[in-house]
N, C-alpha and C. Protein backbone atom coordinates (compact mmCIF):
# COMPACT_ATOMS: atom_id res chain seq x y z
N UNK A 1 -24.29 41.32 -50.36
CA UNK A 1 -23.23 40.89 -49.76
C UNK A 1 -23.12 39.25 -49.77
N UNK A 2 -21.43 38.70 -50.21
CA UNK A 2 -21.73 37.04 -50.45
C UNK A 2 -21.99 36.93 -48.70
N UNK A 3 -22.50 35.26 -48.86
CA UNK A 3 -22.71 34.93 -47.65
C UNK A 3 -20.94 34.60 -46.80
N UNK A 4 -20.42 33.91 -47.58
CA UNK A 4 -18.68 33.78 -46.95
C UNK A 4 -18.49 35.06 -46.55
N UNK A 5 -18.23 36.18 -47.20
CA UNK A 5 -17.60 37.40 -47.10
C UNK A 5 -18.24 37.71 -45.46
N UNK A 6 -19.22 37.81 -45.56
CA UNK A 6 -19.90 38.44 -44.26
C UNK A 6 -19.80 37.66 -43.38
N UNK A 7 -19.43 36.40 -43.08
CA UNK A 7 -19.88 35.51 -41.77
C UNK A 7 -17.77 35.70 -41.73
N UNK A 8 -17.17 36.25 -42.33
CA UNK A 8 -15.60 36.85 -42.11
C UNK A 8 -15.54 37.69 -41.49
N UNK A 9 -16.23 38.37 -41.85
CA UNK A 9 -16.40 40.13 -41.44
C UNK A 9 -16.62 39.99 -40.23
N UNK A 10 -17.92 38.85 -40.09
CA UNK A 10 -18.24 39.20 -38.73
C UNK A 10 -17.37 38.58 -37.69
N UNK A 11 -16.67 37.40 -38.18
CA UNK A 11 -15.75 37.47 -37.16
C UNK A 11 -14.65 38.25 -36.68
N UNK A 12 -14.06 39.09 -37.84
CA UNK A 12 -13.20 40.09 -37.46
C UNK A 12 -13.87 41.27 -37.40
N UNK A 13 -14.66 41.44 -36.72
CA UNK A 13 -15.42 42.87 -36.19
C UNK A 13 -14.80 42.69 -34.64
N UNK A 14 -14.59 43.86 -34.11
CA UNK A 14 -13.88 44.27 -33.01
C UNK A 14 -15.01 43.95 -32.28
N UNK A 15 -14.76 43.31 -30.75
CA UNK A 15 -15.80 42.82 -30.02
C UNK A 15 -15.40 44.32 -28.57
N UNK A 16 -15.93 43.79 -27.31
CA UNK A 16 -15.63 45.14 -26.44
C UNK A 16 -13.84 45.09 -26.34
N UNK A 17 -13.73 46.42 -25.89
CA UNK A 17 -11.77 46.58 -26.14
C UNK A 17 -11.73 46.05 -25.06
N UNK A 18 -10.31 45.40 -24.82
CA UNK A 18 -9.46 44.56 -23.63
C UNK A 18 -8.90 45.01 -23.15
N UNK A 19 -8.89 44.72 -22.00
CA UNK A 19 -7.58 45.69 -21.45
C UNK A 19 -6.12 44.63 -21.82
N UNK A 20 -5.01 45.88 -22.33
CA UNK A 20 -3.60 45.21 -22.39
C UNK A 20 -2.46 43.98 -21.46
N UNK A 21 -3.50 44.52 -20.46
CA UNK A 21 -3.23 43.73 -18.79
C UNK A 21 -3.17 42.46 -19.10
N UNK A 22 -5.00 41.83 -20.05
CA UNK A 22 -5.21 40.56 -20.14
C UNK A 22 -4.13 39.56 -20.87
N UNK A 23 -3.49 40.51 -22.26
CA UNK A 23 -2.39 40.04 -22.99
C UNK A 23 -1.47 39.37 -22.21
N UNK A 24 -0.93 40.39 -21.57
CA UNK A 24 0.41 39.94 -20.87
C UNK A 24 0.71 39.39 -19.79
N UNK A 25 -0.88 39.00 -19.04
CA UNK A 25 -1.02 38.02 -17.68
C UNK A 25 -0.72 36.76 -17.79
N UNK A 26 -0.33 36.16 -19.15
CA UNK A 26 -0.05 34.92 -18.99
C UNK A 26 1.08 34.59 -19.42
N UNK A 27 1.81 35.57 -19.81
CA UNK A 27 3.50 35.77 -19.63
C UNK A 27 4.00 35.51 -18.16
N UNK A 28 3.04 36.88 -17.82
CA UNK A 28 3.81 36.88 -16.39
C UNK A 28 3.21 35.65 -15.43
N UNK A 29 2.32 34.81 -15.55
CA UNK A 29 2.03 33.88 -14.71
C UNK A 29 3.32 32.51 -15.30
N UNK A 30 3.65 32.66 -16.38
CA UNK A 30 4.74 31.45 -16.21
C UNK A 30 5.95 32.25 -16.35
N UNK A 31 6.38 33.58 -15.63
CA UNK A 31 7.36 33.67 -15.30
C UNK A 31 7.35 33.46 -13.80
N UNK A 32 6.67 33.86 -13.23
CA UNK A 32 6.29 33.14 -11.94
C UNK A 32 6.40 31.55 -11.85
N UNK A 33 5.73 31.44 -12.24
CA UNK A 33 6.12 29.59 -11.98
C UNK A 33 7.64 28.89 -12.39
N UNK A 34 8.23 29.75 -13.85
CA UNK A 34 9.80 29.56 -13.61
C UNK A 34 10.50 29.72 -12.66
N UNK A 35 10.27 30.96 -12.16
CA UNK A 35 11.14 31.22 -10.87
C UNK A 35 10.65 30.48 -9.69
N UNK A 36 9.75 30.16 -9.36
CA UNK A 36 9.47 29.03 -8.28
C UNK A 36 9.68 27.60 -8.36
N UNK A 37 9.59 27.21 -9.61
CA UNK A 37 10.49 25.66 -10.46
C UNK A 37 11.88 25.52 -10.60
N UNK A 38 11.98 26.43 -11.02
CA UNK A 38 13.95 26.48 -11.66
C UNK A 38 14.79 27.41 -10.72
N UNK A 39 14.66 28.78 -10.73
CA UNK A 39 15.46 29.46 -10.26
C UNK A 39 15.68 29.28 -8.90
N UNK A 40 14.40 29.81 -8.12
CA UNK A 40 14.80 29.65 -6.91
C UNK A 40 15.12 28.22 -5.92
N UNK A 41 14.82 27.24 -6.88
CA UNK A 41 15.58 25.95 -5.58
C UNK A 41 17.30 25.68 -6.28
N UNK A 42 17.35 26.34 -7.68
CA UNK A 42 18.81 26.48 -8.07
C UNK A 42 19.73 27.52 -6.95
N UNK A 43 19.08 28.40 -6.78
CA UNK A 43 19.44 29.42 -6.21
C UNK A 43 19.72 29.13 -4.33
N UNK A 44 18.84 28.47 -3.76
CA UNK A 44 19.04 27.66 -2.78
C UNK A 44 20.01 26.38 -2.90
N UNK A 45 20.16 25.70 -3.46
CA UNK A 45 21.15 24.58 -3.33
C UNK A 45 22.80 25.30 -4.25
N UNK A 46 22.62 26.57 -4.84
CA UNK A 46 24.18 27.41 -4.21
C UNK A 46 24.30 27.60 -3.19
N UNK A 47 23.36 28.66 -2.72
CA UNK A 47 23.42 28.88 -1.40
C UNK A 47 24.09 27.69 -0.33
N UNK A 48 23.39 26.73 -0.58
CA UNK A 48 23.79 25.70 0.78
C UNK A 48 25.45 25.09 0.32
N UNK A 49 25.56 24.85 -0.95
CA UNK A 49 27.07 24.67 -1.53
C UNK A 49 27.87 25.74 -1.44
N UNK A 50 28.02 27.24 -1.28
CA UNK A 50 28.34 27.90 -0.47
C UNK A 50 28.48 27.94 0.79
N UNK A 51 27.49 27.70 1.69
CA UNK A 51 28.27 27.59 3.12
C UNK A 51 28.32 26.29 3.20
N UNK A 52 28.47 25.14 2.69
CA UNK A 52 29.27 23.97 3.27
C UNK A 52 30.88 23.96 2.62
N UNK A 53 31.15 24.71 1.68
CA UNK A 53 32.65 25.04 0.93
C UNK A 53 33.07 26.11 2.01
N UNK A 54 32.72 26.77 2.32
CA UNK A 54 33.24 27.49 3.32
C UNK A 54 33.38 27.15 5.37
N UNK A 55 33.13 26.12 5.19
CA UNK A 55 32.71 25.03 6.56
C UNK A 55 33.91 24.08 6.34
N UNK A 56 34.25 24.21 5.60
CA UNK A 56 35.35 22.95 5.13
C UNK A 56 36.55 22.98 6.30
N UNK A 57 36.82 22.00 6.74
CA UNK A 57 37.68 21.97 7.70
C UNK A 57 38.63 20.96 7.62
N UNK A 58 39.50 20.33 7.98
CA UNK A 58 40.72 19.27 8.55
C UNK A 58 39.88 18.00 8.96
N UNK A 59 40.03 17.13 7.94
CA UNK A 59 39.52 15.76 8.43
C UNK A 59 38.43 15.25 7.70
N UNK A 60 37.69 16.42 7.09
CA UNK A 60 36.38 16.05 6.34
C UNK A 60 36.64 15.17 5.09
N UNK A 61 35.20 14.39 4.80
CA UNK A 61 36.26 13.04 3.92
C UNK A 61 34.87 13.40 2.94
N UNK A 62 35.45 14.27 1.79
CA UNK A 62 34.52 14.95 0.57
C UNK A 62 34.99 14.15 -0.80
N UNK A 63 34.31 14.37 -1.72
CA UNK A 63 33.95 14.16 -3.12
C UNK A 63 33.80 15.48 -3.79
N UNK A 64 34.90 15.52 -5.09
CA UNK A 64 34.96 16.22 -6.11
C UNK A 64 34.14 16.25 -7.02
N UNK A 65 33.84 17.04 -7.57
CA UNK A 65 32.80 16.68 -9.30
C UNK A 65 33.63 16.07 -9.98
N UNK A 66 34.60 15.84 -9.66
CA UNK A 66 35.59 14.91 -10.87
C UNK A 66 35.62 13.28 -10.07
N UNK A 67 34.96 13.16 -8.97
CA UNK A 67 34.47 11.79 -8.70
C UNK A 67 36.02 11.85 -7.53
N UNK A 68 36.66 12.33 -6.93
CA UNK A 68 38.08 12.22 -6.39
C UNK A 68 37.35 12.21 -4.87
N UNK A 69 37.55 10.95 -4.34
CA UNK A 69 37.15 10.65 -3.27
C UNK A 69 38.94 11.14 -1.87
N UNK A 70 38.34 12.38 -0.82
CA UNK A 70 39.45 12.15 -0.33
C UNK A 70 39.17 13.13 0.90
N UNK A 71 40.32 13.07 2.08
CA UNK A 71 40.32 13.38 2.98
C UNK A 71 41.39 15.04 3.22
N UNK A 72 40.41 16.24 3.98
CA UNK A 72 40.88 17.24 3.38
C UNK A 72 42.11 17.33 4.66
N UNK A 73 43.09 17.41 4.13
CA UNK A 73 44.54 18.02 4.41
C UNK A 73 44.35 19.54 5.31
N UNK A 74 44.45 20.23 4.12
CA UNK A 74 44.76 21.61 4.45
C UNK A 74 43.24 22.01 3.59
N UNK A 75 43.48 23.68 4.52
CA UNK A 75 42.18 24.64 3.57
C UNK A 75 42.96 25.49 3.36
N UNK A 76 42.66 26.56 2.65
CA UNK A 76 43.24 27.70 2.02
C UNK A 76 42.42 28.70 1.48
N UNK A 77 42.63 29.64 1.10
CA UNK A 77 41.77 30.63 0.24
C UNK A 77 40.50 30.15 -0.28
N UNK A 78 41.38 29.62 -1.79
CA UNK A 78 40.72 29.12 -2.69
C UNK A 78 40.79 27.88 -2.62
N UNK A 79 41.75 27.22 -2.43
CA UNK A 79 42.33 25.40 -2.81
C UNK A 79 42.08 24.83 -1.67
N UNK A 80 41.77 23.49 -1.84
CA UNK A 80 42.36 22.55 -0.37
C UNK A 80 42.62 21.61 -1.16
N UNK A 81 43.25 21.21 0.09
CA UNK A 81 44.50 20.08 -0.39
C UNK A 81 43.58 18.45 0.19
N UNK A 82 43.27 17.51 -0.63
CA UNK A 82 42.71 16.63 -0.29
C UNK A 82 43.93 15.71 -0.42
N UNK A 83 43.45 14.58 0.65
CA UNK A 83 44.76 13.26 0.67
C UNK A 83 43.90 11.91 0.23
N UNK A 84 44.30 11.30 -1.03
CA UNK A 84 43.56 10.42 -1.82
C UNK A 84 43.97 9.44 -1.76
N UNK A 85 44.56 8.81 -0.85
CA UNK A 85 45.24 7.35 -0.22
C UNK A 85 46.38 7.06 -0.68
N UNK A 86 47.24 6.39 0.21
CA UNK A 86 48.56 6.23 0.25
C UNK A 86 49.19 7.24 -0.05
N UNK A 87 49.03 7.99 0.51
CA UNK A 87 50.03 9.89 0.96
C UNK A 87 49.53 10.55 -0.09
N UNK A 88 48.90 10.17 -1.10
CA UNK A 88 48.99 11.13 -2.46
C UNK A 88 48.16 12.28 -2.14
N UNK A 89 48.32 13.34 -2.36
CA UNK A 89 48.23 14.89 -1.91
C UNK A 89 47.33 15.56 -3.45
N UNK A 90 46.31 15.72 -3.38
CA UNK A 90 45.37 16.56 -4.47
C UNK A 90 45.13 17.98 -4.04
N UNK A 91 45.95 18.92 -5.07
CA UNK A 91 45.21 20.65 -4.46
C UNK A 91 43.77 20.77 -5.45
N UNK A 92 42.97 21.06 -4.83
CA UNK A 92 41.58 21.03 -5.75
C UNK A 92 41.03 22.43 -5.36
N UNK A 93 40.14 22.93 -6.58
CA UNK A 93 39.64 24.37 -6.00
C UNK A 93 38.45 24.10 -4.96
N UNK A 94 38.51 24.82 -4.22
CA UNK A 94 37.04 24.85 -3.17
C UNK A 94 35.86 24.46 -3.96
N UNK A 95 35.65 25.16 -5.28
CA UNK A 95 34.38 25.19 -5.91
C UNK A 95 33.90 24.20 -6.61
N UNK A 96 35.67 23.28 -6.25
CA UNK A 96 35.00 22.02 -7.25
C UNK A 96 34.54 20.80 -6.21
N UNK A 97 34.81 21.12 -5.31
CA UNK A 97 34.02 20.02 -4.41
C UNK A 97 32.90 20.41 -4.35
N UNK A 98 32.25 18.69 -4.42
CA UNK A 98 30.80 18.55 -4.69
C UNK A 98 30.18 18.50 -3.37
N UNK A 99 30.66 17.75 -2.41
CA UNK A 99 29.82 17.53 -0.94
C UNK A 99 30.60 16.70 -0.35
N UNK A 100 30.42 16.36 1.10
CA UNK A 100 30.49 15.22 1.45
C UNK A 100 30.64 13.88 1.34
N UNK A 101 31.00 12.90 1.53
CA UNK A 101 31.87 11.90 1.04
C UNK A 101 30.74 10.83 2.25
N UNK A 102 29.89 9.92 1.95
CA UNK A 102 28.93 9.34 3.20
C UNK A 102 29.43 8.08 2.60
N UNK A 103 29.98 7.07 3.21
CA UNK A 103 29.57 5.47 2.88
C UNK A 103 28.13 4.95 2.82
N UNK A 104 28.26 4.32 2.07
CA UNK A 104 26.91 3.87 1.64
C UNK A 104 26.84 1.93 2.02
N UNK A 105 26.03 1.37 2.56
CA UNK A 105 26.12 0.25 2.77
C UNK A 105 25.97 -0.75 1.79
N UNK A 106 26.33 -2.31 1.24
CA UNK A 106 26.37 -2.57 -0.01
C UNK A 106 25.37 -3.16 -0.09
N UNK A 107 24.76 -2.94 -1.59
CA UNK A 107 23.78 -3.83 -1.66
C UNK A 107 23.36 -4.98 -1.31
N UNK A 108 24.63 -6.41 -1.21
CA UNK A 108 23.95 -7.11 -0.93
C UNK A 108 23.41 -7.28 0.77
N UNK A 109 24.15 -6.27 1.32
CA UNK A 109 23.43 -6.41 2.64
C UNK A 109 22.21 -5.86 2.62
N UNK A 110 21.99 -4.99 1.95
CA UNK A 110 20.97 -4.29 1.71
C UNK A 110 19.39 -5.34 1.43
N UNK A 111 20.23 -6.26 0.77
CA UNK A 111 18.68 -7.29 0.01
C UNK A 111 19.17 -8.32 1.18
N UNK A 112 19.76 -9.00 1.79
CA UNK A 112 19.94 -9.48 3.55
C UNK A 112 19.22 -9.17 4.03
N UNK A 113 18.86 -7.45 4.42
CA UNK A 113 18.32 -7.35 5.76
C UNK A 113 16.46 -7.21 5.33
N UNK A 114 16.36 -7.27 3.75
CA UNK A 114 15.24 -7.42 3.36
C UNK A 114 14.31 -8.80 3.84
N UNK A 115 15.43 -10.02 3.58
CA UNK A 115 14.82 -11.28 3.86
C UNK A 115 14.52 -11.88 5.31
């Protein structure tokens, strides 16, 4: 037999039989990592958003996903009415309220505080 053919056949020869579980194990581990890194935090964030939207009340200052900032005037089943300034009222779907609006200090004030 030719030495190259002999080397090829010796590499392709079956060794001890492996369990099918050993072949599937890496995919299972990848799925577990994806669950804990991507899906679980996203589900937790969605749950927090749902509880925030359910707890909206008159007088809350909120920001919508489109960037509108306003004060809640009226909370209905599926919508929220916001006063966005100068008496302008806008009806928004509750799910589009991104979160509470918190005024942040201006950047120059922070820079002066460091000096």
